[in-house]
Amino acid sequence: MNKHEIASWLKSLLIAFGIALVIRVFLFSPYYVEGASMDPTLHDEEKIFVNKFEELNRGDIVIIRGDEKNYVKRLIGFPGDELEMKNDQLYINGQQWQEDYLAENREAAEGIVSKLTGDFGPLTVPSDHYYVMGDNRLVSLDSRNGLGFIEKERIIGVSEFVWYPFTSMRKVE
């Protein structure tokens, strides 16, 4: 190989690295699920891709920047929302919110506990903050019991799909 060919290869590799870096930093990033707080939606040790530009919607699964680690939780409350949990039913601004993603956990909890999610509220989500909960409510550290209200700037992005293990590849819902 001559110097021109080497320079051409280096230039191509540098451009590819630059594009990959821009995509990773600004668009999509891989994250690792640690723990059982999102079971059965997401499982311990799964790897997910997160969209950093996705508009936030109620029910999205988001990545939250923590002090020492990141958290994966479901977005429940938006700034100004009034939230209340009573008799295992979530009310947002006085309207019952269907949490179909909890069906499997409710079934598994029957006979073990009287409620999957303990009563709370009513409480109002402060401006520029969000309220999050894990799908596995019996074991989740979330806004109810440790994380508190989440500042908007701590939300990294929205989970899009599981990419590993390859046998479990799927869109996150």
N, C-alpha and C. Protein backbone atom coordinates (compact mmCIF):
# COMPACT_ATOMS: atom_id res chain seq x y z
N MET A 1 0.83 -1.18 0.00
CA MET A 1 0.00 0.00 0.00
C MET A 1 0.88 1.25 0.00
N ASN A 2 0.46 2.20 -0.80
CA ASN A 2 1.21 3.45 -0.81
C ASN A 2 0.59 4.45 0.16
N LYS A 3 1.26 5.60 0.33
CA LYS A 3 0.81 6.61 1.29
C LYS A 3 -0.58 7.13 0.96
N HIS A 4 -0.91 7.24 -0.31
CA HIS A 4 -2.23 7.75 -0.71
C HIS A 4 -3.34 6.79 -0.29
N GLU A 5 -3.11 5.50 -0.47
CA GLU A 5 -4.10 4.50 -0.07
C GLU A 5 -4.28 4.49 1.45
N ILE A 6 -3.20 4.57 2.20
CA ILE A 6 -3.27 4.59 3.66
C ILE A 6 -4.03 5.83 4.13
N ALA A 7 -3.73 6.97 3.54
CA ALA A 7 -4.41 8.22 3.91
C ALA A 7 -5.90 8.11 3.59
N SER A 8 -6.24 7.50 2.47
CA SER A 8 -7.65 7.33 2.09
C SER A 8 -8.38 6.44 3.09
N TRP A 9 -7.74 5.34 3.51
CA TRP A 9 -8.34 4.45 4.49
C TRP A 9 -8.51 5.15 5.84
N LEU A 10 -7.49 5.87 6.26
CA LEU A 10 -7.58 6.59 7.54
C LEU A 10 -8.69 7.63 7.51
N LYS A 11 -8.82 8.33 6.37
CA LYS A 11 -9.88 9.33 6.22
C LYS A 11 -11.25 8.66 6.32
N SER A 12 -11.41 7.53 5.64
CA SER A 12 -12.69 6.80 5.68
C SER A 12 -13.02 6.32 7.09
N LEU A 13 -12.02 5.77 7.78
CA LEU A 13 -12.23 5.31 9.15
C LEU A 13 -12.57 6.46 10.09
N LEU A 14 -11.91 7.59 9.91
CA LEU A 14 -12.18 8.76 10.74
C LEU A 14 -13.60 9.29 10.51
N ILE A 15 -14.04 9.32 9.27
CA ILE A 15 -15.41 9.76 8.96
C ILE A 15 -16.42 8.78 9.56
N ALA A 16 -16.18 7.49 9.41
CA ALA A 16 -17.09 6.48 9.97
C ALA A 16 -17.16 6.60 11.50
N PHE A 17 -16.02 6.78 12.12
CA PHE A 17 -15.97 6.96 13.57
C PHE A 17 -16.74 8.22 13.98
N GLY A 18 -16.56 9.30 13.26
CA GLY A 18 -17.26 10.55 13.54
C GLY A 18 -18.77 10.40 13.42
N ILE A 19 -19.22 9.73 12.37
CA ILE A 19 -20.66 9.50 12.19
C ILE A 19 -21.21 8.65 13.33
N ALA A 20 -20.49 7.58 13.67
CA ALA A 20 -20.93 6.71 14.77
C ALA A 20 -20.98 7.49 16.09
N LEU A 21 -20.02 8.35 16.33
CA LEU A 21 -20.00 9.14 17.55
C LEU A 21 -21.18 10.11 17.61
N VAL A 22 -21.47 10.77 16.51
CA VAL A 22 -22.60 11.70 16.46
C VAL A 22 -23.92 10.96 16.71
N ILE A 23 -24.09 9.80 16.08
CA ILE A 23 -25.30 9.00 16.29
C ILE A 23 -25.41 8.58 17.75
N ARG A 24 -24.33 8.11 18.33
CA ARG A 24 -24.34 7.63 19.71
C ARG A 24 -24.61 8.75 20.70
N VAL A 25 -23.99 9.89 20.51
CA VAL A 25 -24.12 10.99 21.46
C VAL A 25 -25.46 11.72 21.31
N PHE A 26 -25.92 11.91 20.08
CA PHE A 26 -27.07 12.78 19.87
C PHE A 26 -28.36 12.07 19.48
N LEU A 27 -28.32 10.87 18.93
CA LEU A 27 -29.53 10.24 18.43
C LEU A 27 -29.94 8.98 19.20
N PHE A 28 -29.15 7.94 19.10
CA PHE A 28 -29.46 6.66 19.74
C PHE A 28 -28.29 6.22 20.59
N SER A 29 -28.60 5.60 21.73
CA SER A 29 -27.56 5.05 22.59
C SER A 29 -28.01 3.70 23.12
N PRO A 30 -27.07 2.78 23.27
CA PRO A 30 -27.41 1.50 23.89
C PRO A 30 -27.36 1.64 25.42
N TYR A 31 -28.27 0.97 26.09
CA TYR A 31 -28.29 0.93 27.55
C TYR A 31 -28.54 -0.49 28.00
N TYR A 32 -28.19 -0.74 29.24
CA TYR A 32 -28.25 -2.05 29.85
C TYR A 32 -29.32 -2.03 30.94
N VAL A 33 -30.22 -3.01 30.92
CA VAL A 33 -31.25 -3.12 31.96
C VAL A 33 -30.66 -3.90 33.12
N GLU A 34 -30.72 -3.29 34.30
CA GLU A 34 -30.17 -3.94 35.48
C GLU A 34 -31.27 -4.08 36.52
N GLY A 35 -31.59 -5.31 36.87
CA GLY A 35 -32.60 -5.55 37.90
C GLY A 35 -33.94 -5.95 37.31
N ALA A 36 -34.91 -6.15 38.23
CA ALA A 36 -36.22 -6.68 37.86
C ALA A 36 -37.33 -5.65 37.93
N SER A 37 -37.01 -4.37 38.07
CA SER A 37 -38.06 -3.37 38.29
C SER A 37 -38.99 -3.16 37.10
N MET A 38 -38.59 -3.59 35.91
CA MET A 38 -39.45 -3.44 34.73
C MET A 38 -39.99 -4.77 34.21
N ASP A 39 -39.77 -5.86 34.95
CA ASP A 39 -40.34 -7.16 34.54
C ASP A 39 -41.86 -7.06 34.49
N PRO A 40 -42.53 -7.69 33.58
CA PRO A 40 -42.04 -8.53 32.50
C PRO A 40 -41.77 -7.77 31.20
N THR A 41 -41.92 -6.44 31.21
CA THR A 41 -41.72 -5.66 29.98
C THR A 41 -40.27 -5.71 29.53
N LEU A 42 -39.36 -5.46 30.45
CA LEU A 42 -37.92 -5.56 30.21
C LEU A 42 -37.32 -6.46 31.27
N HIS A 43 -36.31 -7.22 30.89
CA HIS A 43 -35.72 -8.19 31.80
C HIS A 43 -34.29 -7.81 32.15
N ASP A 44 -33.86 -8.28 33.32
CA ASP A 44 -32.50 -8.06 33.79
C ASP A 44 -31.50 -8.49 32.72
N GLU A 45 -30.52 -7.65 32.47
CA GLU A 45 -29.40 -7.89 31.56
C GLU A 45 -29.75 -7.73 30.08
N GLU A 46 -30.97 -7.31 29.76
CA GLU A 46 -31.27 -7.02 28.36
C GLU A 46 -30.59 -5.72 27.98
N LYS A 47 -30.30 -5.61 26.69
CA LYS A 47 -29.71 -4.38 26.17
C LYS A 47 -30.73 -3.72 25.26
N ILE A 48 -30.90 -2.41 25.44
CA ILE A 48 -31.92 -1.67 24.70
C ILE A 48 -31.29 -0.48 24.00
N PHE A 49 -31.94 -0.04 22.92
CA PHE A 49 -31.55 1.21 22.27
C PHE A 49 -32.52 2.29 22.71
N VAL A 50 -31.98 3.46 22.97
CA VAL A 50 -32.76 4.60 23.45
C VAL A 50 -32.68 5.72 22.44
N ASN A 51 -33.85 6.26 22.09
CA ASN A 51 -33.96 7.39 21.18
C ASN A 51 -33.92 8.67 22.00
N LYS A 52 -32.91 9.50 21.77
CA LYS A 52 -32.74 10.72 22.56
C LYS A 52 -33.59 11.88 22.04
N PHE A 53 -34.24 11.71 20.88
CA PHE A 53 -35.03 12.79 20.31
C PHE A 53 -36.52 12.51 20.30
N GLU A 54 -36.91 11.38 20.83
CA GLU A 54 -38.33 11.01 20.85
C GLU A 54 -39.09 11.94 21.78
N GLU A 55 -40.24 12.41 21.33
CA GLU A 55 -41.11 13.21 22.19
C GLU A 55 -41.65 12.32 23.30
N LEU A 56 -41.69 12.85 24.51
CA LEU A 56 -42.16 12.07 25.66
C LEU A 56 -43.67 11.94 25.64
N ASN A 57 -44.14 10.72 25.87
CA ASN A 57 -45.57 10.43 25.96
C ASN A 57 -45.83 9.62 27.22
N ARG A 58 -47.00 9.80 27.80
CA ARG A 58 -47.36 9.03 28.98
C ARG A 58 -47.32 7.54 28.63
N GLY A 59 -46.69 6.77 29.48
CA GLY A 59 -46.56 5.34 29.25
C GLY A 59 -45.25 4.94 28.61
N ASP A 60 -44.48 5.90 28.11
CA ASP A 60 -43.16 5.59 27.53
C ASP A 60 -42.25 5.01 28.60
N ILE A 61 -41.34 4.16 28.18
CA ILE A 61 -40.30 3.67 29.07
C ILE A 61 -39.07 4.53 28.80
N VAL A 62 -38.59 5.20 29.86
CA VAL A 62 -37.52 6.17 29.71
C VAL A 62 -36.29 5.75 30.51
N ILE A 63 -35.15 6.29 30.10
CA ILE A 63 -33.91 6.12 30.84
C ILE A 63 -33.68 7.41 31.61
N ILE A 64 -33.39 7.27 32.91
CA ILE A 64 -33.20 8.41 33.79
C ILE A 64 -31.76 8.40 34.30
N ARG A 65 -31.11 9.53 34.16
CA ARG A 65 -29.74 9.67 34.64
C ARG A 65 -29.76 9.78 36.16
N GLY A 66 -29.04 8.88 36.82
CA GLY A 66 -28.91 8.92 38.27
C GLY A 66 -27.53 9.40 38.65
N ASP A 67 -27.29 9.51 39.95
CA ASP A 67 -25.97 9.96 40.41
C ASP A 67 -24.89 8.92 40.12
N GLU A 68 -25.21 7.67 40.38
CA GLU A 68 -24.20 6.62 40.19
C GLU A 68 -24.59 5.61 39.12
N LYS A 69 -25.87 5.54 38.78
CA LYS A 69 -26.31 4.63 37.73
C LYS A 69 -27.57 5.19 37.10
N ASN A 70 -27.93 4.64 35.95
CA ASN A 70 -29.15 5.06 35.26
C ASN A 70 -30.30 4.13 35.64
N TYR A 71 -31.51 4.64 35.49
CA TYR A 71 -32.71 3.87 35.83
C TYR A 71 -33.60 3.76 34.60
N VAL A 72 -34.30 2.63 34.49
CA VAL A 72 -35.28 2.42 33.43
C VAL A 72 -36.65 2.37 34.10
N LYS A 73 -37.54 3.30 33.71
CA LYS A 73 -38.85 3.38 34.35
C LYS A 73 -39.91 3.80 33.33
N ARG A 74 -41.17 3.62 33.71
CA ARG A 74 -42.29 4.02 32.86
C ARG A 74 -42.73 5.43 33.26
N LEU A 75 -42.92 6.29 32.28
CA LEU A 75 -43.34 7.67 32.50
C LEU A 75 -44.84 7.70 32.78
N ILE A 76 -45.20 8.14 33.97
CA ILE A 76 -46.59 8.14 34.42
C ILE A 76 -47.17 9.56 34.47
N GLY A 77 -46.46 10.48 35.11
CA GLY A 77 -46.99 11.81 35.34
C GLY A 77 -46.17 12.91 34.69
N PHE A 78 -46.86 13.88 34.10
CA PHE A 78 -46.25 15.05 33.47
C PHE A 78 -46.37 16.26 34.38
N PRO A 79 -45.61 17.32 34.12
CA PRO A 79 -45.71 18.53 34.94
C PRO A 79 -47.16 19.01 35.05
N GLY A 80 -47.58 19.27 36.29
CA GLY A 80 -48.93 19.77 36.54
C GLY A 80 -49.98 18.69 36.72
N ASP A 81 -49.67 17.44 36.42
CA ASP A 81 -50.64 16.35 36.59
C ASP A 81 -50.93 16.11 38.06
N GLU A 82 -52.18 15.78 38.35
CA GLU A 82 -52.55 15.32 39.69
C GLU A 82 -52.67 13.81 39.61
N LEU A 83 -51.91 13.12 40.44
CA LEU A 83 -51.87 11.65 40.42
C LEU A 83 -52.41 11.10 41.73
N GLU A 84 -53.13 10.00 41.61
CA GLU A 84 -53.63 9.32 42.79
C GLU A 84 -53.73 7.83 42.47
N MET A 85 -53.31 7.01 43.42
CA MET A 85 -53.45 5.57 43.31
C MET A 85 -54.35 5.14 44.44
N LYS A 86 -55.49 4.54 44.11
CA LYS A 86 -56.36 4.01 45.16
C LYS A 86 -56.97 2.70 44.67
N ASN A 87 -56.94 1.73 45.56
CA ASN A 87 -57.44 0.38 45.26
C ASN A 87 -56.83 -0.19 43.99
N ASP A 88 -55.53 0.03 43.84
CA ASP A 88 -54.76 -0.51 42.72
C ASP A 88 -55.15 0.07 41.36
N GLN A 89 -55.77 1.23 41.36
CA GLN A 89 -56.14 1.92 40.13
C GLN A 89 -55.48 3.30 40.12
N LEU A 90 -54.85 3.63 39.01
CA LEU A 90 -54.19 4.92 38.85
C LEU A 90 -55.17 5.94 38.28
N TYR A 91 -55.21 7.11 38.91
CA TYR A 91 -56.03 8.21 38.42
C TYR A 91 -55.10 9.37 38.08
N ILE A 92 -55.26 9.88 36.87
CA ILE A 92 -54.49 11.03 36.41
C ILE A 92 -55.47 12.14 36.10
N ASN A 93 -55.32 13.23 36.83
CA ASN A 93 -56.23 14.37 36.69
C ASN A 93 -57.69 13.94 36.83
N GLY A 94 -57.93 13.03 37.79
CA GLY A 94 -59.28 12.57 38.09
C GLY A 94 -59.82 11.48 37.18
N GLN A 95 -59.09 11.12 36.13
CA GLN A 95 -59.54 10.09 35.19
C GLN A 95 -58.75 8.80 35.42
N GLN A 96 -59.45 7.69 35.43
CA GLN A 96 -58.78 6.40 35.60
C GLN A 96 -57.91 6.13 34.38
N TRP A 97 -56.67 5.72 34.62
CA TRP A 97 -55.71 5.42 33.56
C TRP A 97 -55.52 3.91 33.51
N GLN A 98 -55.72 3.33 32.34
CA GLN A 98 -55.57 1.89 32.18
C GLN A 98 -54.09 1.53 32.07
N GLU A 99 -53.65 0.63 32.90
CA GLU A 99 -52.27 0.16 32.89
C GLU A 99 -52.25 -1.31 32.46
N ASP A 100 -52.55 -1.55 31.20
CA ASP A 100 -52.62 -2.92 30.68
C ASP A 100 -51.30 -3.66 30.82
N TYR A 101 -50.19 -2.94 30.81
CA TYR A 101 -48.86 -3.54 30.94
C TYR A 101 -48.64 -4.18 32.31
N LEU A 102 -49.56 -3.97 33.26
CA LEU A 102 -49.43 -4.56 34.60
C LEU A 102 -50.19 -5.87 34.75
N ALA A 103 -50.91 -6.30 33.73
CA ALA A 103 -51.78 -7.47 33.84
C ALA A 103 -51.04 -8.70 34.35
N GLU A 104 -49.88 -8.99 33.78
CA GLU A 104 -49.13 -10.19 34.17
C GLU A 104 -48.66 -10.08 35.62
N ASN A 105 -48.21 -8.90 36.04
CA ASN A 105 -47.75 -8.72 37.42
C ASN A 105 -48.91 -8.79 38.41
N ARG A 106 -50.08 -8.26 38.02
CA ARG A 106 -51.25 -8.35 38.90
C ARG A 106 -51.63 -9.81 39.13
N GLU A 107 -51.62 -10.58 38.06
CA GLU A 107 -51.96 -12.00 38.16
C GLU A 107 -50.96 -12.74 39.05
N ALA A 108 -49.68 -12.44 38.89
CA ALA A 108 -48.65 -13.10 39.69
C ALA A 108 -48.73 -12.71 41.16
N ALA A 109 -49.20 -11.49 41.45
CA ALA A 109 -49.27 -11.00 42.83
C ALA A 109 -50.50 -11.48 43.58
N GLU A 110 -51.51 -11.98 42.85
CA GLU A 110 -52.74 -12.44 43.50
C GLU A 110 -52.41 -13.51 44.54
N GLY A 111 -52.97 -13.33 45.72
CA GLY A 111 -52.75 -14.28 46.80
C GLY A 111 -51.49 -14.00 47.61
N ILE A 112 -50.59 -13.17 47.07
CA ILE A 112 -49.36 -12.82 47.79
C ILE A 112 -49.55 -11.50 48.52
N VAL A 113 -50.08 -10.52 47.79
CA VAL A 113 -50.35 -9.20 48.36
C VAL A 113 -51.76 -8.78 47.96
N SER A 114 -52.31 -7.84 48.72
CA SER A 114 -53.67 -7.40 48.39
C SER A 114 -53.67 -6.41 47.23
N LYS A 115 -52.58 -5.63 47.09
CA LYS A 115 -52.50 -4.64 46.02
C LYS A 115 -51.12 -4.69 45.38
N LEU A 116 -51.09 -4.55 44.07
CA LEU A 116 -49.81 -4.49 43.37
C LEU A 116 -49.14 -3.15 43.65
N THR A 117 -49.92 -2.07 43.66
CA THR A 117 -49.40 -0.73 43.91
C THR A 117 -50.13 -0.14 45.11
N GLY A 118 -49.37 0.25 46.11
CA GLY A 118 -49.96 0.86 47.30
C GLY A 118 -50.60 2.21 46.99
N ASP A 119 -51.60 2.55 47.78
CA ASP A 119 -52.29 3.83 47.60
C ASP A 119 -51.33 5.00 47.86
N PHE A 120 -51.51 6.08 47.09
CA PHE A 120 -50.80 7.33 47.34
C PHE A 120 -51.60 8.47 46.75
N GLY A 121 -51.26 9.67 47.17
CA GLY A 121 -51.85 10.88 46.61
C GLY A 121 -53.18 11.22 47.23
N PRO A 122 -53.84 12.21 46.64
CA PRO A 122 -53.42 12.86 45.41
C PRO A 122 -52.18 13.72 45.61
N LEU A 123 -51.36 13.79 44.57
CA LEU A 123 -50.17 14.63 44.56
C LEU A 123 -50.07 15.30 43.21
N THR A 124 -49.43 16.44 43.17
CA THR A 124 -49.30 17.19 41.93
C THR A 124 -47.84 17.20 41.50
N VAL A 125 -47.59 16.86 40.25
CA VAL A 125 -46.23 16.83 39.71
C VAL A 125 -45.78 18.28 39.48
N PRO A 126 -44.64 18.69 40.07
CA PRO A 126 -44.17 20.07 39.91
C PRO A 126 -43.78 20.38 38.46
N SER A 127 -43.73 21.66 38.13
CA SER A 127 -43.33 22.05 36.78
C SER A 127 -41.91 21.57 36.50
N ASP A 128 -41.65 21.23 35.24
CA ASP A 128 -40.35 20.71 34.78
C ASP A 128 -39.94 19.40 35.45
N HIS A 129 -40.91 18.66 35.97
CA HIS A 129 -40.64 17.37 36.60
C HIS A 129 -41.61 16.32 36.05
N TYR A 130 -41.24 15.04 36.28
CA TYR A 130 -42.05 13.92 35.84
C TYR A 130 -42.15 12.92 36.98
N TYR A 131 -43.13 12.03 36.88
CA TYR A 131 -43.34 10.98 37.86
C TYR A 131 -43.21 9.66 37.13
N VAL A 132 -42.39 8.75 37.66
CA VAL A 132 -42.13 7.47 37.01
C VAL A 132 -42.36 6.31 37.98
N MET A 133 -42.73 5.17 37.41
CA MET A 133 -42.86 3.94 38.20
C MET A 133 -42.36 2.77 37.36
N GLY A 134 -41.87 1.76 38.05
CA GLY A 134 -41.50 0.52 37.38
C GLY A 134 -42.73 -0.35 37.17
N ASP A 135 -42.67 -1.23 36.20
CA ASP A 135 -43.79 -2.14 35.95
C ASP A 135 -43.89 -3.22 37.02
N ASN A 136 -42.79 -3.58 37.62
CA ASN A 136 -42.78 -4.57 38.70
C ASN A 136 -42.87 -3.81 40.01
N ARG A 137 -44.07 -3.32 40.31
CA ARG A 137 -44.30 -2.37 41.39
C ARG A 137 -43.87 -2.87 42.77
N LEU A 138 -43.85 -4.17 42.97
CA LEU A 138 -43.50 -4.70 44.29
C LEU A 138 -42.01 -4.55 44.60
N VAL A 139 -41.16 -4.42 43.59
CA VAL A 139 -39.72 -4.35 43.83
C VAL A 139 -39.07 -3.09 43.26
N SER A 140 -39.84 -2.22 42.64
CA SER A 140 -39.28 -1.08 41.92
C SER A 140 -38.94 0.10 42.83
N LEU A 141 -37.73 0.62 42.66
CA LEU A 141 -37.34 1.91 43.23
C LEU A 141 -37.75 2.95 42.19
N ASP A 142 -38.68 3.82 42.53
CA ASP A 142 -39.19 4.79 41.56
C ASP A 142 -39.64 6.06 42.26
N SER A 143 -40.48 6.85 41.63
CA SER A 143 -40.90 8.13 42.21
C SER A 143 -41.64 7.97 43.53
N ARG A 144 -42.23 6.81 43.76
CA ARG A 144 -42.98 6.57 45.00
C ARG A 144 -42.09 6.41 46.21
N ASN A 145 -40.88 5.91 46.02
CA ASN A 145 -40.12 5.43 47.17
C ASN A 145 -38.61 5.62 47.07
N GLY A 146 -38.16 6.71 46.55
CA GLY A 146 -36.71 6.92 46.54
C GLY A 146 -36.23 7.86 45.45
N LEU A 147 -36.77 7.73 44.26
CA LEU A 147 -36.32 8.61 43.18
C LEU A 147 -37.00 9.97 43.21
N GLY A 148 -38.20 10.03 43.76
CA GLY A 148 -38.94 11.29 43.81
C GLY A 148 -39.32 11.78 42.42
N PHE A 149 -39.67 13.05 42.34
CA PHE A 149 -39.99 13.64 41.04
C PHE A 149 -38.70 13.77 40.23
N ILE A 150 -38.80 13.52 38.93
CA ILE A 150 -37.64 13.49 38.04
C ILE A 150 -37.58 14.78 37.23
N GLU A 151 -36.45 15.50 37.32
CA GLU A 151 -36.27 16.71 36.53
C GLU A 151 -36.16 16.34 35.05
N LYS A 152 -36.71 17.19 34.21
CA LYS A 152 -36.72 16.92 32.77
C LYS A 152 -35.32 16.65 32.22
N GLU A 153 -34.32 17.39 32.66
CA GLU A 153 -32.97 17.23 32.13
C GLU A 153 -32.33 15.89 32.51
N ARG A 154 -32.91 15.17 33.46
CA ARG A 154 -32.38 13.85 33.82
C ARG A 154 -32.91 12.74 32.91
N ILE A 155 -33.92 13.03 32.11
CA ILE A 155 -34.45 12.00 31.20
C ILE A 155 -33.58 11.98 29.95
N ILE A 156 -32.91 10.86 29.75
CA ILE A 156 -31.97 10.70 28.64
C ILE A 156 -32.71 10.46 27.34
N GLY A 157 -33.72 9.62 27.37
CA GLY A 157 -34.46 9.30 26.16
C GLY A 157 -35.47 8.20 26.39
N VAL A 158 -36.10 7.79 25.28
CA VAL A 158 -37.17 6.81 25.29
C VAL A 158 -36.65 5.48 24.75
N SER A 159 -36.95 4.39 25.47
CA SER A 159 -36.55 3.06 25.01
C SER A 159 -37.30 2.71 23.74
N GLU A 160 -36.57 2.27 22.73
CA GLU A 160 -37.18 1.94 21.44
C GLU A 160 -37.31 0.43 21.23
N PHE A 161 -36.20 -0.29 21.42
CA PHE A 161 -36.27 -1.74 21.21
C PHE A 161 -35.15 -2.46 21.94
N VAL A 162 -35.41 -3.72 22.24
CA VAL A 162 -34.42 -4.61 22.84
C VAL A 162 -33.60 -5.19 21.69
N TRP A 163 -32.29 -5.09 21.79
CA TRP A 163 -31.44 -5.63 20.72
C TRP A 163 -30.59 -6.81 21.18
N TYR A 164 -30.57 -7.08 22.48
CA TYR A 164 -29.83 -8.23 22.99
C TYR A 164 -30.49 -8.71 24.27
N PRO A 165 -30.64 -10.00 24.45
CA PRO A 165 -30.15 -11.08 23.60
C PRO A 165 -30.91 -11.13 22.27
N PHE A 166 -30.21 -11.57 21.25
CA PHE A 166 -30.76 -11.56 19.90
C PHE A 166 -32.05 -12.37 19.78
N THR A 167 -32.18 -13.41 20.61
CA THR A 167 -33.39 -14.23 20.57
C THR A 167 -34.61 -13.49 21.14
N SER A 168 -34.37 -12.37 21.82
CA SER A 168 -35.46 -11.59 22.42
C SER A 168 -35.63 -10.22 21.79
N MET A 169 -35.08 -10.03 20.59
CA MET A 169 -35.20 -8.72 19.93
C MET A 169 -36.68 -8.37 19.75
N ARG A 170 -37.03 -7.13 20.13
CA ARG A 170 -38.42 -6.70 20.01
C ARG A 170 -38.53 -5.19 20.24
N LYS A 171 -39.62 -4.64 19.80
CA LYS A 171 -39.94 -3.24 20.06
C LYS A 171 -40.43 -3.14 21.50
N VAL A 172 -40.02 -2.09 22.20
CA VAL A 172 -40.43 -1.88 23.59
C VAL A 172 -41.74 -1.13 23.60
N GLU A 173 -42.72 -1.68 24.35
CA GLU A 173 -44.02 -1.01 24.47
C GLU A 173 -44.46 -0.97 25.91
